[in-house]
Amino acid sequence: MKRFSVLLSAVLMTGFFLAACGNLVTPAPTAAPATTVMPTPTLAEPTAVASPTTRAEPSATPTATPLAGTALSFDRLSLVIPTGVAMGGSGTLVPEAKGESVAPWDVAPEHIQLTLDGYALEGKMVQPQIYVYPAQAYAQLQERGAAAQSIERLQAVLAQSSMVNIKELPSVPFFSAVQALAAQVKVIPFQHGRGVRMVTQYTGGRAIINNQELVYDFEGLTDDGQYYVIVILPVTAPGLPKDGQPGGMVPPDGVQVPDYNDLNANWMGYYGDVRQMLQGFEQNAYSPNLDQLDALIGSLMVAASD
C-alpha cells in the first residue's frame, strides 16, 4: 500500500505546492539530509512482486550514533529505532520493475524496502517504511518522471549554503499525488549523507488535512550520490481531525475546514493556515516526537557498493 491513485495534473501540483509552502528554511550544518473536486486519495495496489520478506536482524556493529533503541540491519541498510517509536523491522529486496505493463510511478530499479514493526501509530493510511534506491539507476529509469525530478530537487536543496526555498522540495516519486502543504521543514544529516524532512500530507485534490494521512517525509542522498533514501512515517498533530471525512469534527483549536459545497471556498488559504498551525508546534507536540524521528534518520547508514 505505498502508491496513491493518479488524481492530479501537473498544473494542480504546482498550484497546491506554491500556495501552501511559500517560505524559507535554514538547513542544518553539514558537519553533523483542474481544481476538480476529488475524493480523499486511496492507495493503489503495487504492481511489482517483491521477493520473500526477511526479518531485519540486530546489527552486529553498534551504530555510530549514541542512541537508545533497537539496532537493525538489512542488506546494506543499518539504523537504530529509538525506544518508543517501533519494536523492530522487516526488510525486502524489491525487484526491478519496468515495461509497458508497469505504471509510470512504479518504474524503479531493485531497491530496499524496510517496514517498521510495532510502530507507535497503527491503522494509518501509509505504512511506516524506509526505502533505499540506487539514485542514478532510479533517475535513469524515470528520466522524465518523478524520480529524476525529485532527485534533482533534492540535490538543489542540499547544495544551498544558507536558505532553502521550500517551493522546490522533492516529493515521493511513487506517490502519484502531491503535497498539500509542507511544515516543519528541516535539512538534517545521517551517516554519510544528508536530506530534508517535512510534515506533510499527500493528496489528489481538495482534502482535509487530518491525522489519518499526515506523515513525516524524509528524502536524502548519501554523500557519494549513490543512494536515494526515502522515509515515510505516519505522525499525528494537535488541532487536526482524526480523518479526512467531510463533516468530521475539527478540534476547537484547529482550523475550520472549507465548505465542500462552496465552489469558491478558499482551500489554498486553508492549507496555508494549517501549515502555519503545524509550524508553530513544538517537536514533542507531534506523535511520535519529531526529535525521535530525526534521531532515527541520524542513525541511518547505507553501505557503499563494492
C-alpha atoms as a PDB file:
ATOM      1  CA  MET A   1       0.000   0.000   0.000  1.00  0.00           C
ATOM      2  CA  LYS A   2       2.539   2.576  -0.987  1.00  0.00           C
ATOM      3  CA  ARG A   3       1.125   4.237  -4.099  1.00  0.00           C
ATOM      4  CA  PHE A   4      -1.617   6.802  -4.445  1.00  0.00           C
ATOM      5  CA  SER A   5      -4.064   6.660  -7.359  1.00  0.00           C
ATOM      6  CA  VAL A   6      -3.469   9.057 -10.238  1.00  0.00           C
ATOM      7  CA  LEU A   7      -5.616  12.035  -9.352  1.00  0.00           C
ATOM      8  CA  LEU A   8      -3.954  15.236 -10.366  1.00  0.00           C
ATOM      9  CA  SER A   9      -2.460  17.169 -13.242  1.00  0.00           C
ATOM     10  CA  ALA A  10       0.903  18.910 -13.165  1.00  0.00           C
ATOM     11  CA  VAL A  11      -0.882  22.263 -13.077  1.00  0.00           C
ATOM     12  CA  LEU A  12      -2.655  21.404  -9.837  1.00  0.00           C
ATOM     13  CA  MET A  13       0.557  20.019  -8.386  1.00  0.00           C
ATOM     14  CA  THR A  14       2.254  23.364  -8.866  1.00  0.00           C
ATOM     15  CA  GLY A  15      -0.695  25.337  -7.566  1.00  0.00           C
ATOM     16  CA  PHE A  16      -1.020  23.337  -4.349  1.00  0.00           C
ATOM     17  CA  PHE A  17       2.655  23.483  -3.598  1.00  0.00           C
ATOM     18  CA  LEU A  18       3.215  27.171  -4.281  1.00  0.00           C
ATOM     19  CA  ALA A  19       0.189  28.235  -2.313  1.00  0.00           C
ATOM     20  CA  ALA A  20       0.830  26.114   0.769  1.00  0.00           C
ATOM     21  CA  CYS A  21       4.609  26.222   1.070  1.00  0.00           C
ATOM     22  CA  GLY A  22       5.796  29.714   0.283  1.00  0.00           C
ATOM     23  CA  ASN A  23       8.554  30.274   2.830  1.00  0.00           C
ATOM     24  CA  LEU A  24      12.215  29.677   3.538  1.00  0.00           C
ATOM     25  CA  VAL A  25      14.025  27.322   5.867  1.00  0.00           C
ATOM     26  CA  THR A  26      17.598  27.316   7.077  1.00  0.00           C
ATOM     27  CA  PRO A  27      19.396  23.975   6.641  1.00  0.00           C
ATOM     28  CA  ALA A  28      21.441  22.325   9.361  1.00  0.00           C
ATOM     29  CA  PRO A  29      25.247  22.375   9.063  1.00  0.00           C
ATOM     30  CA  THR A  30      26.816  19.605   7.030  1.00  0.00           C
ATOM     31  CA  ALA A  31      29.259  18.728   9.789  1.00  0.00           C
ATOM     32  CA  ALA A  32      26.993  16.680  11.890  1.00  0.00           C
ATOM     33  CA  PRO A  33      19.582  15.423   4.778  1.00  0.00           C
ATOM     34  CA  ALA A  34      -8.306  21.353 -12.505  1.00  0.00           C
ATOM     35  CA  THR A  35      -9.432  22.471  -9.245  1.00  0.00           C
ATOM     36  CA  THR A  36     -11.628  19.437  -9.928  1.00  0.00           C
ATOM     37  CA  VAL A  37     -13.318  18.050  -6.844  1.00  0.00           C
ATOM     38  CA  MET A  38     -11.503  14.853  -5.937  1.00  0.00           C
ATOM     39  CA  PRO A  39     -12.203  12.259  -3.253  1.00  0.00           C
ATOM     40  CA  THR A  40      -9.786  11.606  -0.431  1.00  0.00           C
ATOM     41  CA  PRO A  41      -6.861   9.739  -2.047  1.00  0.00           C
ATOM     42  CA  THR A  42      -6.693   5.977  -1.775  1.00  0.00           C
ATOM     43  CA  LEU A  43      -3.721   3.694  -2.061  1.00  0.00           C
ATOM     44  CA  ALA A  44      -3.257   1.741  -5.272  1.00  0.00           C
ATOM     45  CA  GLU A  45      -2.052  -1.836  -5.312  1.00  0.00           C
ATOM     46  CA  PRO A  46       1.646  -2.288  -6.150  1.00  0.00           C
ATOM     47  CA  THR A  47       2.456  -3.872  -9.474  1.00  0.00           C
ATOM     48  CA  ALA A  48       5.933  -5.123  -8.577  1.00  0.00           C
ATOM     49  CA  VAL A  49       6.144  -8.543  -6.976  1.00  0.00           C
ATOM     50  CA  ALA A  50       8.500  -8.432  -4.010  1.00  0.00           C
ATOM     51  CA  SER A  51      10.829 -11.238  -3.039  1.00  0.00           C
ATOM     52  CA  PRO A  52      10.037 -13.042   0.222  1.00  0.00           C
ATOM     53  CA  THR A  53      10.217 -10.778   3.259  1.00  0.00           C
ATOM     54  CA  THR A  54      13.196 -11.286   5.521  1.00  0.00           C
ATOM     55  CA  ARG A  55      13.328 -10.256   9.125  1.00  0.00           C
ATOM     56  CA  ALA A  56      15.846  -7.500   9.759  1.00  0.00           C
ATOM     57  CA  GLU A  57      18.483  -8.754  12.171  1.00  0.00           C
ATOM     58  CA  PRO A  58      20.087  -6.785  15.001  1.00  0.00           C
ATOM     59  CA  SER A  59      23.212  -5.081  13.775  1.00  0.00           C
ATOM     60  CA  ALA A  60      26.431  -6.794  14.838  1.00  0.00           C
ATOM     61  CA  THR A  61      28.284  -3.471  14.860  1.00  0.00           C
ATOM     62  CA  PRO A  62      26.966  -0.703  17.139  1.00  0.00           C
ATOM     63  CA  THR A  63      25.692   2.373  15.334  1.00  0.00           C
ATOM     64  CA  ALA A  64      27.921   5.434  15.267  1.00  0.00           C
ATOM     65  CA  THR A  65      25.066   7.472  16.753  1.00  0.00           C
ATOM     66  CA  PRO A  66      24.726   7.167  20.568  1.00  0.00           C
ATOM     67  CA  LEU A  67      21.019   6.427  20.525  1.00  0.00           C
ATOM     68  CA  ALA A  68      18.963   4.278  22.873  1.00  0.00           C
ATOM     69  CA  GLY A  69      16.844   1.839  20.918  1.00  0.00           C
ATOM     70  CA  THR A  70      16.870  -1.208  18.680  1.00  0.00           C
ATOM     71  CA  ALA A  71      19.741  -1.552  16.213  1.00  0.00           C
ATOM     72  CA  LEU A  72      18.805  -3.214  12.923  1.00  0.00           C
ATOM     73  CA  SER A  73      20.495  -4.064   9.666  1.00  0.00           C
ATOM     74  CA  PHE A  74      19.147  -5.356   6.381  1.00  0.00           C
ATOM     75  CA  ASP A  75      21.245  -5.741   3.255  1.00  0.00           C
ATOM     76  CA  ARG A  76      23.317  -2.513   3.038  1.00  0.00           C
ATOM     77  CA  LEU A  77      20.975  -0.520   5.320  1.00  0.00           C
ATOM     78  CA  SER A  78      21.506  -0.162   9.072  1.00  0.00           C
ATOM     79  CA  LEU A  79      19.744   2.036  11.597  1.00  0.00           C
ATOM     80  CA  VAL A  80      18.641   2.422  15.217  1.00  0.00           C
ATOM     81  CA  ILE A  81      14.951   2.667  16.060  1.00  0.00           C
ATOM     82  CA  PRO A  82      14.587   4.958  19.102  1.00  0.00           C
ATOM     83  CA  THR A  83      12.794   3.465  22.072  1.00  0.00           C
ATOM     84  CA  GLY A  84       9.055   4.016  21.779  1.00  0.00           C
ATOM     85  CA  VAL A  85       8.979   4.565  18.015  1.00  0.00           C
ATOM     86  CA  ALA A  86       8.776   0.932  16.897  1.00  0.00           C
ATOM     87  CA  MET A  87       9.759  -2.528  18.102  1.00  0.00           C
ATOM     88  CA  GLY A  88      11.667  -3.770  15.068  1.00  0.00           C
ATOM     89  CA  GLY A  89      11.542  -4.080  11.322  1.00  0.00           C
ATOM     90  CA  SER A  90      11.393  -6.452   8.360  1.00  0.00           C
ATOM     91  CA  GLY A  91      13.148  -5.892   5.069  1.00  0.00           C
ATOM     92  CA  THR A  92      12.553  -6.864   1.455  1.00  0.00           C
ATOM     93  CA  LEU A  93      14.605  -6.533  -1.704  1.00  0.00           C
ATOM     94  CA  VAL A  94      12.025  -5.323  -4.233  1.00  0.00           C
ATOM     95  CA  PRO A  95      12.967  -6.417  -7.777  1.00  0.00           C
ATOM     96  CA  GLU A  96      13.335  -4.035 -10.716  1.00  0.00           C
ATOM     97  CA  ALA A  97      10.045  -3.001 -12.296  1.00  0.00           C
ATOM     98  CA  LYS A  98       9.772  -1.577 -15.802  1.00  0.00           C
ATOM     99  CA  GLY A  99       7.992  -2.125 -19.099  1.00  0.00           C
ATOM    100  CA  GLU A 100       4.650  -1.294 -20.664  1.00  0.00           C
ATOM    101  CA  SER A 101       2.684  -3.207 -18.025  1.00  0.00           C
ATOM    102  CA  VAL A 102       4.172  -1.147 -15.168  1.00  0.00           C
ATOM    103  CA  ALA A 103       2.590   2.153 -14.143  1.00  0.00           C
ATOM    104  CA  PRO A 104       4.973   5.103 -14.647  1.00  0.00           C
ATOM    105  CA  TRP A 105       5.241   5.837 -10.921  1.00  0.00           C
ATOM    106  CA  ASP A 106       6.061   2.165 -10.214  1.00  0.00           C
ATOM    107  CA  VAL A 107       9.069   2.056 -12.546  1.00  0.00           C
ATOM    108  CA  ALA A 108      12.109   1.505 -10.334  1.00  0.00           C
ATOM    109  CA  PRO A 109      15.367  -0.434 -10.048  1.00  0.00           C
ATOM    110  CA  GLU A 110      15.853  -3.120  -7.414  1.00  0.00           C
ATOM    111  CA  HIS A 111      15.689  -1.445  -4.028  1.00  0.00           C
ATOM    112  CA  ILE A 112      15.401  -1.984  -0.287  1.00  0.00           C
ATOM    113  CA  GLN A 113      12.057  -1.635   1.433  1.00  0.00           C
ATOM    114  CA  LEU A 114      12.069  -1.893   5.221  1.00  0.00           C
ATOM    115  CA  THR A 115       8.814  -1.819   7.184  1.00  0.00           C
ATOM    116  CA  LEU A 116       8.864  -0.857  10.860  1.00  0.00           C
ATOM    117  CA  ASP A 117       7.055  -3.368  13.070  1.00  0.00           C
ATOM    118  CA  GLY A 118       5.150  -2.382  16.190  1.00  0.00           C
ATOM    119  CA  TYR A 119       5.150   1.267  15.166  1.00  0.00           C
ATOM    120  CA  ALA A 120       3.776   3.780  17.678  1.00  0.00           C
ATOM    121  CA  LEU A 121       0.789   4.544  15.416  1.00  0.00           C
ATOM    122  CA  GLU A 122      -1.311   1.827  13.822  1.00  0.00           C
ATOM    123  CA  GLY A 123      -4.014   1.787  11.170  1.00  0.00           C
ATOM    124  CA  LYS A 124      -2.865   4.900   9.313  1.00  0.00           C
ATOM    125  CA  MET A 125      -3.146   5.485   5.565  1.00  0.00           C
ATOM    126  CA  VAL A 126       0.545   4.897   4.907  1.00  0.00           C
ATOM    127  CA  GLN A 127       2.735   2.216   6.457  1.00  0.00           C
ATOM    128  CA  PRO A 128       5.943   3.238   8.296  1.00  0.00           C
ATOM    129  CA  GLN A 129       8.591   2.350   5.717  1.00  0.00           C
ATOM    130  CA  ILE A 130      12.143   3.129   4.651  1.00  0.00           C
ATOM    131  CA  TYR A 131      13.338   2.814   1.047  1.00  0.00           C
ATOM    132  CA  VAL A 132      16.845   2.829  -0.367  1.00  0.00           C
ATOM    133  CA  TYR A 133      17.219   3.215  -4.160  1.00  0.00           C
ATOM    134  CA  PRO A 134      20.341   3.349  -6.328  1.00  0.00           C
ATOM    135  CA  ALA A 135      19.983   7.024  -7.223  1.00  0.00           C
ATOM    136  CA  GLN A 136      21.440   7.055 -10.744  1.00  0.00           C
ATOM    137  CA  ALA A 137      19.556   3.949 -11.860  1.00  0.00           C
ATOM    138  CA  TYR A 138      16.291   5.311 -10.447  1.00  0.00           C
ATOM    139  CA  ALA A 139      16.738   8.652 -12.210  1.00  0.00           C
ATOM    140  CA  GLN A 140      17.605   6.942 -15.498  1.00  0.00           C
ATOM    141  CA  LEU A 141      14.616   4.592 -15.392  1.00  0.00           C
ATOM    142  CA  GLN A 142      12.333   7.565 -14.704  1.00  0.00           C
ATOM    143  CA  GLU A 143      14.279  10.035 -16.826  1.00  0.00           C
ATOM    144  CA  ARG A 144      11.207  12.173 -17.470  1.00  0.00           C
ATOM    145  CA  GLY A 145       9.375  11.098 -14.348  1.00  0.00           C
ATOM    146  CA  ALA A 146       9.017  11.968 -10.700  1.00  0.00           C
ATOM    147  CA  ALA A 147      12.157  10.156  -9.525  1.00  0.00           C
ATOM    148  CA  ALA A 148      14.544  12.155 -11.701  1.00  0.00           C
ATOM    149  CA  GLN A 149      12.781  15.388 -10.769  1.00  0.00           C
ATOM    150  CA  SER A 150      12.776  14.646  -7.040  1.00  0.00           C
ATOM    151  CA  ILE A 151      16.454  13.685  -7.006  1.00  0.00           C
ATOM    152  CA  GLU A 152      17.307  16.844  -8.926  1.00  0.00           C
ATOM    153  CA  ARG A 153      15.296  18.976  -6.491  1.00  0.00           C
ATOM    154  CA  LEU A 154      16.898  17.241  -3.536  1.00  0.00           C
ATOM    155  CA  GLN A 155      20.368  17.900  -4.920  1.00  0.00           C
ATOM    156  CA  ALA A 156      19.476  21.572  -5.333  1.00  0.00           C
ATOM    157  CA  VAL A 157      18.175  21.799  -1.756  1.00  0.00           C
ATOM    158  CA  LEU A 158      21.322  20.204  -0.336  1.00  0.00           C
ATOM    159  CA  ALA A 159      23.566  22.455  -2.430  1.00  0.00           C
ATOM    160  CA  GLN A 160      22.198  25.602  -0.771  1.00  0.00           C
ATOM    161  CA  SER A 161      24.581  27.190   1.710  1.00  0.00           C
ATOM    162  CA  SER A 162      22.110  29.325   3.622  1.00  0.00           C
ATOM    163  CA  MET A 163      18.423  29.413   2.705  1.00  0.00           C
ATOM    164  CA  VAL A 164      16.288  26.781   1.028  1.00  0.00           C
ATOM    165  CA  ASN A 165      13.137  27.684  -0.875  1.00  0.00           C
ATOM    166  CA  ILE A 166      10.649  25.024   0.127  1.00  0.00           C
ATOM    167  CA  LYS A 167       8.667  25.589  -3.066  1.00  0.00           C
ATOM    168  CA  GLU A 168      11.288  23.329  -4.649  1.00  0.00           C
ATOM    169  CA  LEU A 169      11.181  20.432  -2.218  1.00  0.00           C
ATOM    170  CA  PRO A 170      11.368  16.864  -3.531  1.00  0.00           C
ATOM    171  CA  SER A 171       8.362  14.565  -3.227  1.00  0.00           C
ATOM    172  CA  VAL A 172       7.953  10.810  -3.002  1.00  0.00           C
ATOM    173  CA  PRO A 173       8.232   9.544  -6.609  1.00  0.00           C
ATOM    174  CA  PHE A 174       5.928   6.559  -6.170  1.00  0.00           C
ATOM    175  CA  PHE A 175       3.063   8.690  -4.845  1.00  0.00           C
ATOM    176  CA  SER A 176       1.182   9.966  -7.877  1.00  0.00           C
ATOM    177  CA  ALA A 177      -0.210  12.731  -5.703  1.00  0.00           C
ATOM    178  CA  VAL A 178       1.142  15.992  -4.351  1.00  0.00           C
ATOM    179  CA  GLN A 179       1.980  17.626  -1.044  1.00  0.00           C
ATOM    180  CA  ALA A 180      -0.911  19.812   0.034  1.00  0.00           C
ATOM    181  CA  LEU A 181       1.468  21.609   2.405  1.00  0.00           C
ATOM    182  CA  ALA A 182       4.894  21.290   3.990  1.00  0.00           C
ATOM    183  CA  ALA A 183       5.581  22.225   7.615  1.00  0.00           C
ATOM    184  CA  GLN A 184       8.498  21.680   9.991  1.00  0.00           C
ATOM    185  CA  VAL A 185      10.914  21.564   7.059  1.00  0.00           C
ATOM    186  CA  LYS A 186      14.487  20.873   8.117  1.00  0.00           C
ATOM    187  CA  VAL A 187      17.684  19.718   6.453  1.00  0.00           C
ATOM    188  CA  ILE A 188      19.298  17.051   8.627  1.00  0.00           C
ATOM    189  CA  PRO A 189      22.300  14.742   8.290  1.00  0.00           C
ATOM    190  CA  PHE A 190      22.501  10.981   8.537  1.00  0.00           C
ATOM    191  CA  GLN A 191      25.535   8.709   8.500  1.00  0.00           C
ATOM    192  CA  HIS A 192      27.484   9.733   5.364  1.00  0.00           C
ATOM    193  CA  GLY A 193      24.580  11.653   3.885  1.00  0.00           C
ATOM    194  CA  ARG A 194      22.083  14.492   4.208  1.00  0.00           C
ATOM    195  CA  GLY A 195      18.444  15.053   3.428  1.00  0.00           C
ATOM    196  CA  VAL A 196      15.353  17.120   4.078  1.00  0.00           C
ATOM    197  CA  ARG A 197      12.383  16.237   6.246  1.00  0.00           C
ATOM    198  CA  MET A 198       8.933  17.738   6.468  1.00  0.00           C
ATOM    199  CA  VAL A 199       5.487  17.117   7.915  1.00  0.00           C
ATOM    200  CA  THR A 200       3.071  16.837   5.027  1.00  0.00           C
ATOM    201  CA  GLN A 201       0.038  15.149   3.541  1.00  0.00           C
ATOM    202  CA  TYR A 202      -0.157  13.828   0.002  1.00  0.00           C
ATOM    203  CA  THR A 203      -3.449  14.439  -1.728  1.00  0.00           C
ATOM    204  CA  GLY A 204      -5.092  14.289  -5.115  1.00  0.00           C
ATOM    205  CA  GLY A 205      -7.353  17.311  -4.834  1.00  0.00           C
ATOM    206  CA  ARG A 206      -9.252  19.238  -2.207  1.00  0.00           C
ATOM    207  CA  ALA A 207      -8.699  17.326   1.013  1.00  0.00           C
ATOM    208  CA  ILE A 208      -8.914  17.836   4.749  1.00  0.00           C
ATOM    209  CA  ILE A 209      -5.556  17.720   6.497  1.00  0.00           C
ATOM    210  CA  ASN A 210      -6.004  15.015   9.095  1.00  0.00           C
ATOM    211  CA  ASN A 211      -4.303  12.602  11.478  1.00  0.00           C
ATOM    212  CA  GLN A 212      -5.100   9.570   9.350  1.00  0.00           C
ATOM    213  CA  GLU A 213      -2.933  10.746   6.450  1.00  0.00           C
ATOM    214  CA  LEU A 214      -0.362  13.135   7.953  1.00  0.00           C
ATOM    215  CA  VAL A 215       3.217  11.900   7.513  1.00  0.00           C
ATOM    216  CA  TYR A 216       6.823  12.652   8.364  1.00  0.00           C
ATOM    217  CA  ASP A 217       8.513  12.621   4.957  1.00  0.00           C
ATOM    218  CA  PHE A 218      12.320  12.432   4.700  1.00  0.00           C
ATOM    219  CA  GLU A 219      14.290  12.274   1.461  1.00  0.00           C
ATOM    220  CA  GLY A 220      18.066  12.179   1.358  1.00  0.00           C
ATOM    221  CA  LEU A 221      21.169  11.289  -0.606  1.00  0.00           C
ATOM    222  CA  THR A 222      24.360   9.607   0.534  1.00  0.00           C
ATOM    223  CA  ASP A 223      27.421  11.824   0.297  1.00  0.00           C
ATOM    224  CA  ASP A 224      28.757   9.852  -2.657  1.00  0.00           C
ATOM    225  CA  GLY A 225      25.463  10.309  -4.516  1.00  0.00           C
ATOM    226  CA  GLN A 226      24.964   6.559  -4.896  1.00  0.00           C
ATOM    227  CA  TYR A 227      21.797   6.105  -2.880  1.00  0.00           C
ATOM    228  CA  TYR A 228      18.472   7.899  -2.564  1.00  0.00           C
ATOM    229  CA  VAL A 229      16.797   7.337   0.806  1.00  0.00           C
ATOM    230  CA  ILE A 230      13.069   7.849   1.409  1.00  0.00           C
ATOM    231  CA  VAL A 231      11.466   7.533   4.850  1.00  0.00           C
ATOM    232  CA  ILE A 232       7.691   7.761   5.261  1.00  0.00           C
ATOM    233  CA  LEU A 233       6.384   7.628   8.833  1.00  0.00           C
ATOM    234  CA  PRO A 234       2.831   8.384   9.987  1.00  0.00           C
ATOM    235  CA  VAL A 235       2.528  11.171  12.567  1.00  0.00           C
ATOM    236  CA  THR A 236      -0.314  12.943  14.320  1.00  0.00           C
ATOM    237  CA  ALA A 237      -0.596  16.537  15.486  1.00  0.00           C
ATOM    238  CA  PRO A 238      -2.929  18.510  17.765  1.00  0.00           C
ATOM    239  CA  GLY A 239      -5.708  20.501  16.156  1.00  0.00           C
ATOM    240  CA  LEU A 240      -6.357  18.093  13.275  1.00  0.00           C
ATOM    241  CA  PRO A 241      -9.459  15.934  12.750  1.00  0.00           C
ATOM    242  CA  LYS A 242      -8.927  12.200  13.097  1.00  0.00           C
ATOM    243  CA  ASP A 243      -9.628  11.518   9.415  1.00  0.00           C
ATOM    244  CA  GLY A 244     -10.419  13.270   6.156  1.00  0.00           C
ATOM    245  CA  GLN A 245     -14.143  12.621   6.015  1.00  0.00           C
ATOM    246  CA  PRO A 246     -16.173  15.763   5.180  1.00  0.00           C
ATOM    247  CA  GLY A 247     -18.260  16.894   8.105  1.00  0.00           C
ATOM    248  CA  GLY A 248     -15.927  15.339  10.663  1.00  0.00           C
ATOM    249  CA  MET A 249     -15.238  17.016  13.963  1.00  0.00           C
ATOM    250  CA  VAL A 250     -12.422  19.577  13.996  1.00  0.00           C
ATOM    251  CA  PRO A 251     -10.855  20.163  17.434  1.00  0.00           C
ATOM    252  CA  PRO A 252     -11.697  23.562  18.973  1.00  0.00           C
ATOM    253  CA  ASP A 253      -8.111  24.734  18.484  1.00  0.00           C
ATOM    254  CA  GLY A 254      -7.994  23.518  14.875  1.00  0.00           C
ATOM    255  CA  VAL A 255      -8.502  25.247  11.540  1.00  0.00           C
ATOM    256  CA  GLN A 256     -12.019  25.418  10.142  1.00  0.00           C
ATOM    257  CA  VAL A 257     -12.429  23.238   7.047  1.00  0.00           C
ATOM    258  CA  PRO A 258     -13.860  24.943   3.928  1.00  0.00           C
ATOM    259  CA  ASP A 259     -17.324  24.011   2.755  1.00  0.00           C
ATOM    260  CA  TYR A 260     -17.094  21.320   0.076  1.00  0.00           C
ATOM    261  CA  ASN A 261     -20.322  22.628  -1.434  1.00  0.00           C
ATOM    262  CA  ASP A 262     -18.907  26.125  -1.881  1.00  0.00           C
ATOM    263  CA  LEU A 263     -17.171  26.257  -5.262  1.00  0.00           C
ATOM    264  CA  ASN A 264     -15.461  29.491  -4.216  1.00  0.00           C
ATOM    265  CA  ALA A 265     -14.123  28.152  -0.917  1.00  0.00           C
ATOM    266  CA  ASN A 266     -10.556  29.229  -0.171  1.00  0.00           C
ATOM    267  CA  TRP A 267      -8.757  25.898   0.004  1.00  0.00           C
ATOM    268  CA  MET A 268      -5.356  27.477  -0.581  1.00  0.00           C
ATOM    269  CA  GLY A 269      -5.914  29.705   2.434  1.00  0.00           C
ATOM    270  CA  TYR A 270      -6.968  26.664   4.456  1.00  0.00           C
ATOM    271  CA  TYR A 271      -3.758  24.795   3.622  1.00  0.00           C
ATOM    272  CA  GLY A 272      -1.731  27.872   4.486  1.00  0.00           C
ATOM    273  CA  ASP A 273      -3.461  28.233   7.858  1.00  0.00           C
ATOM    274  CA  VAL A 274      -2.967  24.550   8.697  1.00  0.00           C
ATOM    275  CA  ARG A 275       0.684  24.782   7.704  1.00  0.00           C
ATOM    276  CA  GLN A 276       1.112  27.774   9.987  1.00  0.00           C
ATOM    277  CA  MET A 277      -0.535  25.853  12.844  1.00  0.00           C
ATOM    278  CA  LEU A 278       1.698  22.828  12.331  1.00  0.00           C
ATOM    279  CA  GLN A 279       4.734  25.057  12.030  1.00  0.00           C
ATOM    280  CA  GLY A 280       4.021  26.568  15.444  1.00  0.00           C
ATOM    281  CA  PHE A 281       4.019  23.298  17.372  1.00  0.00           C
ATOM    282  CA  GLU A 282       6.997  22.105  19.396  1.00  0.00           C
ATOM    283  CA  GLN A 283       8.627  18.891  18.215  1.00  0.00           C
ATOM    284  CA  ASN A 284       7.170  16.923  21.136  1.00  0.00           C
ATOM    285  CA  ALA A 285       3.626  18.024  20.266  1.00  0.00           C
ATOM    286  CA  TYR A 286       3.718  15.513  17.431  1.00  0.00           C
ATOM    287  CA  SER A 287       3.311  11.800  17.903  1.00  0.00           C
ATOM    288  CA  PRO A 288       5.825  10.285  17.584  1.00  0.00           C
ATOM    289  CA  ASN A 289       8.060  13.141  18.739  1.00  0.00           C
ATOM    290  CA  LEU A 290       9.784  14.654  15.688  1.00  0.00           C
ATOM    291  CA  ASP A 291      13.073  14.714  17.605  1.00  0.00           C
ATOM    292  CA  GLN A 292      12.866  10.930  17.923  1.00  0.00           C
ATOM    293  CA  LEU A 293      12.178  10.537  14.215  1.00  0.00           C
ATOM    294  CA  ASP A 294      15.085  12.849  13.434  1.00  0.00           C
ATOM    295  CA  ALA A 295      17.266  10.656  15.652  1.00  0.00           C
ATOM    296  CA  LEU A 296      16.191   7.609  13.648  1.00  0.00           C
ATOM    297  CA  ILE A 297      17.202   9.430  10.466  1.00  0.00           C
ATOM    298  CA  GLY A 298      20.521  10.425  12.002  1.00  0.00           C
ATOM    299  CA  SER A 299      21.321   6.779  12.723  1.00  0.00           C
ATOM    300  CA  LEU A 300      20.729   5.633   9.132  1.00  0.00           C
ATOM    301  CA  MET A 301      23.716   4.296   7.247  1.00  0.00           C
ATOM    302  CA  VAL A 302      23.814   2.871   3.734  1.00  0.00           C
ATOM    303  CA  ALA A 303      26.953   0.897   2.944  1.00  0.00           C
ATOM    304  CA  ALA A 304      28.621   1.877  -0.316  1.00  0.00           C
ATOM    305  CA  SER A 305      28.557  -0.596  -3.184  1.00  0.00           C
ATOM    306  CA  ASP A 306      31.691  -2.618  -3.796  1.00  0.00           C
END
